[in-house]
Amino acid sequence: MWKPKPRAARDHWDGPEYEEWLRSDPVEPSKLLKISANVFDEKGGLVIYTANQWDLEWISLTDYQPPSEEAEPGPDSQGITDDNVPF
């Protein structure tokens, strides 16, 4: 099932000139669908383009590898321990 990427979680995504959707499937590789915002009008409907006006780069479909969900580095990963805190 395709799901739009939530706007609040787009820090690591392309800018607002693209709308992005993810498809997660336990069997198939995850996919990322990117569609240029130029394809949509101000109400979210599709804009009509002729074949001569169309740009193939406006839409892309690629395999998607989710970013690793590693924890934020803690004090121990920076060499700070209870033994060397200056206070």
PDB file of N, CA and C in Angstrom:
ATOM      1  N   MET A   1       0.836  -1.166   0.000  1.00  0.00           N
ATOM      2  CA  MET A   1       0.000   0.000   0.000  1.00  0.00           C
ATOM      3  C   MET A   1       0.897   1.252   0.000  1.00  0.00           C
ATOM      4  N   TRP A   2       0.548   2.201  -0.818  1.00  0.00           N
ATOM      5  CA  TRP A   2       1.270   3.468  -0.899  1.00  0.00           C
ATOM      6  C   TRP A   2       0.781   4.407   0.188  1.00  0.00           C
ATOM      7  N   LYS A   3       1.714   5.064   0.862  1.00  0.00           N
ATOM      8  CA  LYS A   3       1.371   6.032   1.895  1.00  0.00           C
ATOM      9  C   LYS A   3       2.188   7.301   1.661  1.00  0.00           C
ATOM     10  N   PRO A   4       1.539   8.467   1.741  1.00  0.00           N
ATOM     11  CA  PRO A   4       2.316   9.704   1.599  1.00  0.00           C
ATOM     12  C   PRO A   4       3.264   9.877   2.776  1.00  0.00           C
ATOM     13  N   LYS A   5       4.408  10.426   2.493  1.00  0.00           N
ATOM     14  CA  LYS A   5       5.367  10.707   3.556  1.00  0.00           C
ATOM     15  C   LYS A   5       4.847  11.893   4.355  1.00  0.00           C
ATOM     16  N   PRO A   6       4.703  11.757   5.677  1.00  0.00           N
ATOM     17  CA  PRO A   6       4.199  12.876   6.482  1.00  0.00           C
ATOM     18  C   PRO A   6       5.105  14.097   6.368  1.00  0.00           C
ATOM     19  N   ARG A   7       4.509  15.248   6.213  1.00  0.00           N
ATOM     20  CA  ARG A   7       5.291  16.481   6.051  1.00  0.00           C
ATOM     21  C   ARG A   7       6.217  16.742   7.242  1.00  0.00           C
ATOM     22  N   ALA A   8       5.777  16.413   8.439  1.00  0.00           N
ATOM     23  CA  ALA A   8       6.586  16.678   9.626  1.00  0.00           C
ATOM     24  C   ALA A   8       7.862  15.845   9.649  1.00  0.00           C
ATOM     25  N   ALA A   9       7.890  14.742   8.916  1.00  0.00           N
ATOM     26  CA  ALA A   9       9.050  13.846   8.941  1.00  0.00           C
ATOM     27  C   ALA A   9       9.901  13.982   7.695  1.00  0.00           C
ATOM     28  N   ARG A  10       9.846  15.101   7.022  1.00  0.00           N
ATOM     29  CA  ARG A  10      10.560  15.255   5.762  1.00  0.00           C
ATOM     30  C   ARG A  10      11.922  15.927   5.882  1.00  0.00           C
ATOM     31  N   ASP A  11      12.507  15.937   7.044  1.00  0.00           N
ATOM     32  CA  ASP A  11      13.812  16.580   7.195  1.00  0.00           C
ATOM     33  C   ASP A  11      14.855  15.986   6.267  1.00  0.00           C
ATOM     34  N   HIS A  12      14.762  14.701   5.985  1.00  0.00           N
ATOM     35  CA  HIS A  12      15.767  14.019   5.176  1.00  0.00           C
ATOM     36  C   HIS A  12      15.286  13.780   3.753  1.00  0.00           C
ATOM     37  N   TRP A  13      14.272  14.513   3.313  1.00  0.00           N
ATOM     38  CA  TRP A  13      13.690  14.299   2.007  1.00  0.00           C
ATOM     39  C   TRP A  13      13.966  15.482   1.109  1.00  0.00           C
ATOM     40  N   ASP A  14      13.633  15.325  -0.152  1.00  0.00           N
ATOM     41  CA  ASP A  14      13.771  16.426  -1.088  1.00  0.00           C
ATOM     42  C   ASP A  14      12.860  17.568  -0.663  1.00  0.00           C
ATOM     43  N   GLY A  15      13.087  18.723  -1.241  1.00  0.00           N
ATOM     44  CA  GLY A  15      12.330  19.910  -0.871  1.00  0.00           C
ATOM     45  C   GLY A  15      10.875  19.834  -1.276  1.00  0.00           C
ATOM     46  N   PRO A  16      10.162  20.928  -1.049  1.00  0.00           N
ATOM     47  CA  PRO A  16       8.718  20.945  -1.298  1.00  0.00           C
ATOM     48  C   PRO A  16       8.352  20.866  -2.781  1.00  0.00           C
ATOM     49  N   GLU A  17       9.338  20.862  -3.665  1.00  0.00           N
ATOM     50  CA  GLU A  17       9.018  20.758  -5.083  1.00  0.00           C
ATOM     51  C   GLU A  17       8.638  19.335  -5.495  1.00  0.00           C
ATOM     52  N   TYR A  18       8.696  18.396  -4.557  1.00  0.00           N
ATOM     53  CA  TYR A  18       8.287  17.015  -4.822  1.00  0.00           C
ATOM     54  C   TYR A  18       7.303  16.536  -3.774  1.00  0.00           C
ATOM     55  N   GLU A  19       6.328  15.754  -4.224  1.00  0.00           N
ATOM     56  CA  GLU A  19       5.462  14.990  -3.329  1.00  0.00           C
ATOM     57  C   GLU A  19       6.029  13.576  -3.317  1.00  0.00           C
ATOM     58  N   GLU A  20       6.036  12.936  -2.159  1.00  0.00           N
ATOM     59  CA  GLU A  20       6.680  11.632  -2.043  1.00  0.00           C
ATOM     60  C   GLU A  20       5.774  10.631  -1.334  1.00  0.00           C
ATOM     61  N   TRP A  21       5.780   9.413  -1.846  1.00  0.00           N
ATOM     62  CA  TRP A  21       5.003   8.319  -1.263  1.00  0.00           C
ATOM     63  C   TRP A  21       5.912   7.114  -1.095  1.00  0.00           C
ATOM     64  N   LEU A  22       5.647   6.352  -0.048  1.00  0.00           N
ATOM     65  CA  LEU A  22       6.391   5.114   0.221  1.00  0.00           C
ATOM     66  C   LEU A  22       5.474   3.917   0.114  1.00  0.00           C
ATOM     67  N   ARG A  23       6.019   2.824  -0.407  1.00  0.00           N
ATOM     68  CA  ARG A  23       5.299   1.551  -0.393  1.00  0.00           C
ATOM     69  C   ARG A  23       6.168   0.551   0.338  1.00  0.00           C
ATOM     70  N   SER A  24       5.637   0.042   1.418  1.00  0.00           N
ATOM     71  CA  SER A  24       6.336  -0.986   2.190  1.00  0.00           C
ATOM     72  C   SER A  24       5.631  -2.309   1.964  1.00  0.00           C
ATOM     73  N   ASP A  25       6.421  -3.331   1.727  1.00  0.00           N
ATOM     74  CA  ASP A  25       5.883  -4.662   1.481  1.00  0.00           C
ATOM     75  C   ASP A  25       6.836  -5.648   2.148  1.00  0.00           C
ATOM     76  N   PRO A  26       6.327  -6.589   2.934  1.00  0.00           N
ATOM     77  CA  PRO A  26       7.226  -7.532   3.607  1.00  0.00           C
ATOM     78  C   PRO A  26       7.968  -8.460   2.643  1.00  0.00           C
ATOM     79  N   VAL A  27       7.458  -8.622   1.421  1.00  0.00           N
ATOM     80  CA  VAL A  27       8.069  -9.542   0.474  1.00  0.00           C
ATOM     81  C   VAL A  27       8.911  -8.797  -0.571  1.00  0.00           C
ATOM     82  N   GLU A  28       8.368  -7.729  -1.122  1.00  0.00           N
ATOM     83  CA  GLU A  28       9.050  -6.954  -2.161  1.00  0.00           C
ATOM     84  C   GLU A  28       9.875  -5.837  -1.531  1.00  0.00           C
ATOM     85  N   PRO A  29      10.887  -5.326  -2.265  1.00  0.00           N
ATOM     86  CA  PRO A  29      11.632  -4.172  -1.739  1.00  0.00           C
ATOM     87  C   PRO A  29      10.718  -2.954  -1.593  1.00  0.00           C
ATOM     88  N   SER A  30      10.988  -2.138  -0.588  1.00  0.00           N
ATOM     89  CA  SER A  30      10.229  -0.899  -0.420  1.00  0.00           C
ATOM     90  C   SER A  30      10.514   0.018  -1.606  1.00  0.00           C
ATOM     91  N   LYS A  31       9.525   0.830  -1.957  1.00  0.00           N
ATOM     92  CA  LYS A  31       9.647   1.734  -3.101  1.00  0.00           C
ATOM     93  C   LYS A  31       9.379   3.167  -2.668  1.00  0.00           C
ATOM     94  N   LEU A  32      10.030   4.097  -3.344  1.00  0.00           N
ATOM     95  CA  LEU A  32       9.813   5.524  -3.149  1.00  0.00           C
ATOM     96  C   LEU A  32       9.346   6.104  -4.474  1.00  0.00           C
ATOM     97  N   LEU A  33       8.168   6.712  -4.458  1.00  0.00           N
ATOM     98  CA  LEU A  33       7.597   7.364  -5.631  1.00  0.00           C
ATOM     99  C   LEU A  33       7.671   8.865  -5.399  1.00  0.00           C
ATOM    100  N   LYS A  34       8.348   9.569  -6.303  1.00  0.00           N
ATOM    101  CA  LYS A  34       8.465  11.020  -6.204  1.00  0.00           C
ATOM    102  C   LYS A  34       7.809  11.641  -7.430  1.00  0.00           C
ATOM    103  N   ILE A  35       6.925  12.615  -7.181  1.00  0.00           N
ATOM    104  CA  ILE A  35       6.234  13.315  -8.263  1.00  0.00           C
ATOM    105  C   ILE A  35       6.435  14.806  -8.054  1.00  0.00           C
ATOM    106  N   SER A  36       6.866  15.482  -9.106  1.00  0.00           N
ATOM    107  CA  SER A  36       7.085  16.918  -9.037  1.00  0.00           C
ATOM    108  C   SER A  36       5.793  17.648  -8.704  1.00  0.00           C
ATOM    109  N   ALA A  37       5.895  18.657  -7.870  1.00  0.00           N
ATOM    110  CA  ALA A  37       4.723  19.464  -7.516  1.00  0.00           C
ATOM    111  C   ALA A  37       4.164  20.181  -8.739  1.00  0.00           C
ATOM    112  N   ASN A  38       4.950  20.353  -9.801  1.00  0.00           N
ATOM    113  CA  ASN A  38       4.485  20.988 -11.040  1.00  0.00           C
ATOM    114  C   ASN A  38       3.347  20.217 -11.691  1.00  0.00           C
ATOM    115  N   VAL A  39       3.221  18.947 -11.373  1.00  0.00           N
ATOM    116  CA  VAL A  39       2.208  18.093 -11.981  1.00  0.00           C
ATOM    117  C   VAL A  39       0.820  18.372 -11.390  1.00  0.00           C
ATOM    118  N   PHE A  40       0.778  19.022 -10.225  1.00  0.00           N
ATOM    119  CA  PHE A  40      -0.483  19.278  -9.530  1.00  0.00           C
ATOM    120  C   PHE A  40      -0.846  20.756  -9.571  1.00  0.00           C
ATOM    121  N   ASP A  41      -2.161  21.028  -9.635  1.00  0.00           N
ATOM    122  CA  ASP A  41      -2.615  22.417  -9.550  1.00  0.00           C
ATOM    123  C   ASP A  41      -2.776  22.802  -8.081  1.00  0.00           C
ATOM    124  N   GLU A  42      -3.249  24.029  -7.814  1.00  0.00           N
ATOM    125  CA  GLU A  42      -3.359  24.518  -6.435  1.00  0.00           C
ATOM    126  C   GLU A  42      -4.385  23.762  -5.604  1.00  0.00           C
ATOM    127  N   LYS A  43      -5.290  23.023  -6.246  1.00  0.00           N
ATOM    128  CA  LYS A  43      -6.284  22.223  -5.519  1.00  0.00           C
ATOM    129  C   LYS A  43      -5.876  20.760  -5.387  1.00  0.00           C
ATOM    130  N   GLY A  44      -4.691  20.409  -5.907  1.00  0.00           N
ATOM    131  CA  GLY A  44      -4.212  19.037  -5.816  1.00  0.00           C
ATOM    132  C   GLY A  44      -4.590  18.160  -6.986  1.00  0.00           C
ATOM    133  N   GLY A  45      -5.282  18.728  -7.984  1.00  0.00           N
ATOM    134  CA  GLY A  45      -5.634  17.964  -9.180  1.00  0.00           C
ATOM    135  C   GLY A  45      -4.459  17.905 -10.150  1.00  0.00           C
ATOM    136  N   LEU A  46      -4.519  16.987 -11.083  1.00  0.00           N
ATOM    137  CA  LEU A  46      -3.458  16.861 -12.077  1.00  0.00           C
ATOM    138  C   LEU A  46      -3.582  17.933 -13.142  1.00  0.00           C
ATOM    139  N   VAL A  47      -2.442  18.493 -13.515  1.00  0.00           N
ATOM    140  CA  VAL A  47      -2.382  19.468 -14.601  1.00  0.00           C
ATOM    141  C   VAL A  47      -2.270  18.684 -15.904  1.00  0.00           C
ATOM    142  N   ILE A  48      -2.944  19.145 -16.941  1.00  0.00           N
ATOM    143  CA  ILE A  48      -2.887  18.473 -18.240  1.00  0.00           C
ATOM    144  C   ILE A  48      -1.681  18.990 -19.024  1.00  0.00           C
ATOM    145  N   TYR A  49      -0.846  18.065 -19.472  1.00  0.00           N
ATOM    146  CA  TYR A  49       0.321  18.388 -20.280  1.00  0.00           C
ATOM    147  C   TYR A  49       0.259  17.605 -21.579  1.00  0.00           C
ATOM    148  N   THR A  50       0.769  18.185 -22.640  1.00  0.00           N
ATOM    149  CA  THR A  50       0.906  17.447 -23.898  1.00  0.00           C
ATOM    150  C   THR A  50       2.178  16.608 -23.807  1.00  0.00           C
ATOM    151  N   ALA A  51       2.331  15.694 -24.739  1.00  0.00           N
ATOM    152  CA  ALA A  51       3.534  14.859 -24.769  1.00  0.00           C
ATOM    153  C   ALA A  51       4.786  15.723 -24.946  1.00  0.00           C
ATOM    154  N   ASN A  52       4.679  16.807 -25.687  1.00  0.00           N
ATOM    155  CA  ASN A  52       5.828  17.692 -25.895  1.00  0.00           C
ATOM    156  C   ASN A  52       6.185  18.475 -24.635  1.00  0.00           C
ATOM    157  N   GLN A  53       5.208  18.765 -23.796  1.00  0.00           N
ATOM    158  CA  GLN A  53       5.452  19.521 -22.570  1.00  0.00           C
ATOM    159  C   GLN A  53       5.960  18.634 -21.430  1.00  0.00           C
ATOM    160  N   TRP A  54       5.642  17.362 -21.486  1.00  0.00           N
ATOM    161  CA  TRP A  54       5.950  16.448 -20.390  1.00  0.00           C
ATOM    162  C   TRP A  54       7.452  16.284 -20.221  1.00  0.00           C
ATOM    163  N   ASP A  55       7.899  16.207 -18.972  1.00  0.00           N
ATOM    164  CA  ASP A  55       9.308  15.982 -18.632  1.00  0.00           C
ATOM    165  C   ASP A  55       9.395  14.677 -17.842  1.00  0.00           C
ATOM    166  N   LEU A  56      10.129  13.717 -18.348  1.00  0.00           N
ATOM    167  CA  LEU A  56      10.239  12.406 -17.688  1.00  0.00           C
ATOM    168  C   LEU A  56      10.833  12.493 -16.283  1.00  0.00           C
ATOM    169  N   GLU A  57      11.555  13.555 -15.989  1.00  0.00           N
ATOM    170  CA  GLU A  57      12.165  13.702 -14.672  1.00  0.00           C
ATOM    171  C   GLU A  57      11.159  14.134 -13.604  1.00  0.00           C
ATOM    172  N   TRP A  58       9.934  14.422 -13.979  1.00  0.00           N
ATOM    173  CA  TRP A  58       8.917  14.831 -13.012  1.00  0.00           C
ATOM    174  C   TRP A  58       8.443  13.672 -12.142  1.00  0.00           C
ATOM    175  N   ILE A  59       8.657  12.443 -12.585  1.00  0.00           N
ATOM    176  CA  ILE A  59       8.225  11.268 -11.821  1.00  0.00           C
ATOM    177  C   ILE A  59       9.373  10.278 -11.751  1.00  0.00           C
ATOM    178  N   SER A  60       9.619   9.745 -10.554  1.00  0.00           N
ATOM    179  CA  SER A  60      10.627   8.692 -10.427  1.00  0.00           C
ATOM    180  C   SER A  60      10.125   7.637  -9.444  1.00  0.00           C
ATOM    181  N   LEU A  61      10.502   6.416  -9.696  1.00  0.00           N
ATOM    182  CA  LEU A  61      10.182   5.283  -8.832  1.00  0.00           C
ATOM    183  C   LEU A  61      11.477   4.539  -8.578  1.00  0.00           C
ATOM    184  N   THR A  62      11.877   4.473  -7.310  1.00  0.00           N
ATOM    185  CA  THR A  62      13.146   3.834  -6.961  1.00  0.00           C
ATOM    186  C   THR A  62      12.951   2.910  -5.770  1.00  0.00           C
ATOM    187  N   ASP A  63      13.887   1.969  -5.611  1.00  0.00           N
ATOM    188  CA  ASP A  63      13.912   1.172  -4.388  1.00  0.00           C
ATOM    189  C   ASP A  63      14.246   2.113  -3.239  1.00  0.00           C
ATOM    190  N   TYR A  64      13.698   1.829  -2.079  1.00  0.00           N
ATOM    191  CA  TYR A  64      13.898   2.693  -0.921  1.00  0.00           C
ATOM    192  C   TYR A  64      14.456   1.894   0.233  1.00  0.00           C
ATOM    193  N   GLN A  65      15.558   2.368   0.777  1.00  0.00           N
ATOM    194  CA  GLN A  65      16.151   1.774   1.967  1.00  0.00           C
ATOM    195  C   GLN A  65      15.914   2.742   3.124  1.00  0.00           C
ATOM    196  N   PRO A  66      15.057   2.394   4.084  1.00  0.00           N
ATOM    197  CA  PRO A  66      14.797   3.314   5.201  1.00  0.00           C
ATOM    198  C   PRO A  66      16.085   3.657   5.938  1.00  0.00           C
ATOM    199  N   PRO A  67      16.188   4.886   6.456  1.00  0.00           N
ATOM    200  CA  PRO A  67      17.378   5.239   7.241  1.00  0.00           C
ATOM    201  C   PRO A  67      17.451   4.366   8.477  1.00  0.00           C
ATOM    202  N   SER A  68      18.661   4.091   8.917  1.00  0.00           N
ATOM    203  CA  SER A  68      18.809   3.251  10.110  1.00  0.00           C
ATOM    204  C   SER A  68      18.226   3.985  11.300  1.00  0.00           C
ATOM    205  N   GLU A  69      17.693   3.227  12.209  1.00  0.00           N
ATOM    206  CA  GLU A  69      17.044   3.793  13.388  1.00  0.00           C
ATOM    207  C   GLU A  69      17.968   3.694  14.591  1.00  0.00           C
ATOM    208  N   GLU A  70      19.222   4.104  14.387  1.00  0.00           N
ATOM    209  CA  GLU A  70      20.180   4.054  15.480  1.00  0.00           C
ATOM    210  C   GLU A  70      19.833   5.123  16.499  1.00  0.00           C
ATOM    211  N   ALA A  71      20.117   4.830  17.735  1.00  0.00           N
ATOM    212  CA  ALA A  71      19.863   5.786  18.808  1.00  0.00           C
ATOM    213  C   ALA A  71      20.815   6.964  18.685  1.00  0.00           C
ATOM    214  N   GLU A  72      20.401   8.078  19.224  1.00  0.00           N
ATOM    215  CA  GLU A  72      21.263   9.250  19.266  1.00  0.00           C
ATOM    216  C   GLU A  72      22.503   8.902  20.075  1.00  0.00           C
ATOM    217  N   PRO A  73      23.682   9.404  19.660  1.00  0.00           N
ATOM    218  CA  PRO A  73      24.879   9.100  20.447  1.00  0.00           C
ATOM    219  C   PRO A  73      24.776   9.685  21.849  1.00  0.00           C
ATOM    220  N   GLY A  74      25.091   8.880  22.809  1.00  0.00           N
ATOM    221  CA  GLY A  74      25.046   9.318  24.197  1.00  0.00           C
ATOM    222  C   GLY A  74      26.401   9.832  24.659  1.00  0.00           C
ATOM    223  N   PRO A  75      26.498  10.244  25.914  1.00  0.00           N
ATOM    224  CA  PRO A  75      27.760  10.777  26.426  1.00  0.00           C
ATOM    225  C   PRO A  75      28.902   9.777  26.338  1.00  0.00           C
ATOM    226  N   ASP A  76      28.621   8.488  26.555  1.00  0.00           N
ATOM    227  CA  ASP A  76      29.692   7.494  26.509  1.00  0.00           C
ATOM    228  C   ASP A  76      30.321   7.400  25.132  1.00  0.00           C
ATOM    229  N   SER A  77      29.561   7.660  24.067  1.00  0.00           N
ATOM    230  CA  SER A  77      30.115   7.555  22.724  1.00  0.00           C
ATOM    231  C   SER A  77      31.040   8.729  22.415  1.00  0.00           C
ATOM    232  N   GLN A  78      31.032   9.778  23.249  1.00  0.00           N
ATOM    233  CA  GLN A  78      31.896  10.933  23.042  1.00  0.00           C
ATOM    234  C   GLN A  78      33.093  10.907  23.982  1.00  0.00           C
ATOM    235  N   GLY A  79      33.309   9.802  24.659  1.00  0.00           N
ATOM    236  CA  GLY A  79      34.444   9.680  25.543  1.00  0.00           C
ATOM    237  C   GLY A  79      34.204  10.263  26.929  1.00  0.00           C
ATOM    238  N   ILE A  80      32.986  10.638  27.254  1.00  0.00           N
ATOM    239  CA  ILE A  80      32.694  11.199  28.571  1.00  0.00           C
ATOM    240  C   ILE A  80      32.158  10.080  29.455  1.00  0.00           C
ATOM    241  N   THR A  81      32.765   9.908  30.591  1.00  0.00           N
ATOM    242  CA  THR A  81      32.329   8.890  31.541  1.00  0.00           C
ATOM    243  C   THR A  81      32.178   9.536  32.895  1.00  0.00           C
ATOM    244  N   ASP A  82      31.670   8.775  33.855  1.00  0.00           N
ATOM    245  CA  ASP A  82      31.545   9.276  35.225  1.00  0.00           C
ATOM    246  C   ASP A  82      32.911   9.598  35.811  1.00  0.00           C
ATOM    247  N   ASP A  83      33.959   8.958  35.316  1.00  0.00           N
ATOM    248  CA  ASP A  83      35.306   9.172  35.863  1.00  0.00           C
ATOM    249  C   ASP A  83      35.967  10.460  35.379  1.00  0.00           C
ATOM    250  N   ASN A  84      35.532  11.006  34.234  1.00  0.00           N
ATOM    251  CA  ASN A  84      36.224  12.188  33.738  1.00  0.00           C
ATOM    252  C   ASN A  84      35.329  13.420  33.587  1.00  0.00           C
ATOM    253  N   VAL A  85      34.187  13.450  34.282  1.00  0.00           N
ATOM    254  CA  VAL A  85      33.341  14.638  34.314  1.00  0.00           C
ATOM    255  C   VAL A  85      34.029  15.674  35.200  1.00  0.00           C
ATOM    256  N   PRO A  86      34.186  16.939  34.725  1.00  0.00           N
ATOM    257  CA  PRO A  86      34.989  17.915  35.479  1.00  0.00           C
ATOM    258  C   PRO A  86      34.290  18.505  36.699  1.00  0.00           C
ATOM    259  N   PHE A  87      33.196  17.986  37.160  1.00  0.00           N
ATOM    260  CA  PHE A  87      32.571  18.529  38.371  1.00  0.00           C
ATOM    261  C   PHE A  87      32.083  17.428  39.249  1.00  0.00           C
TER     262      PHE A  87
END
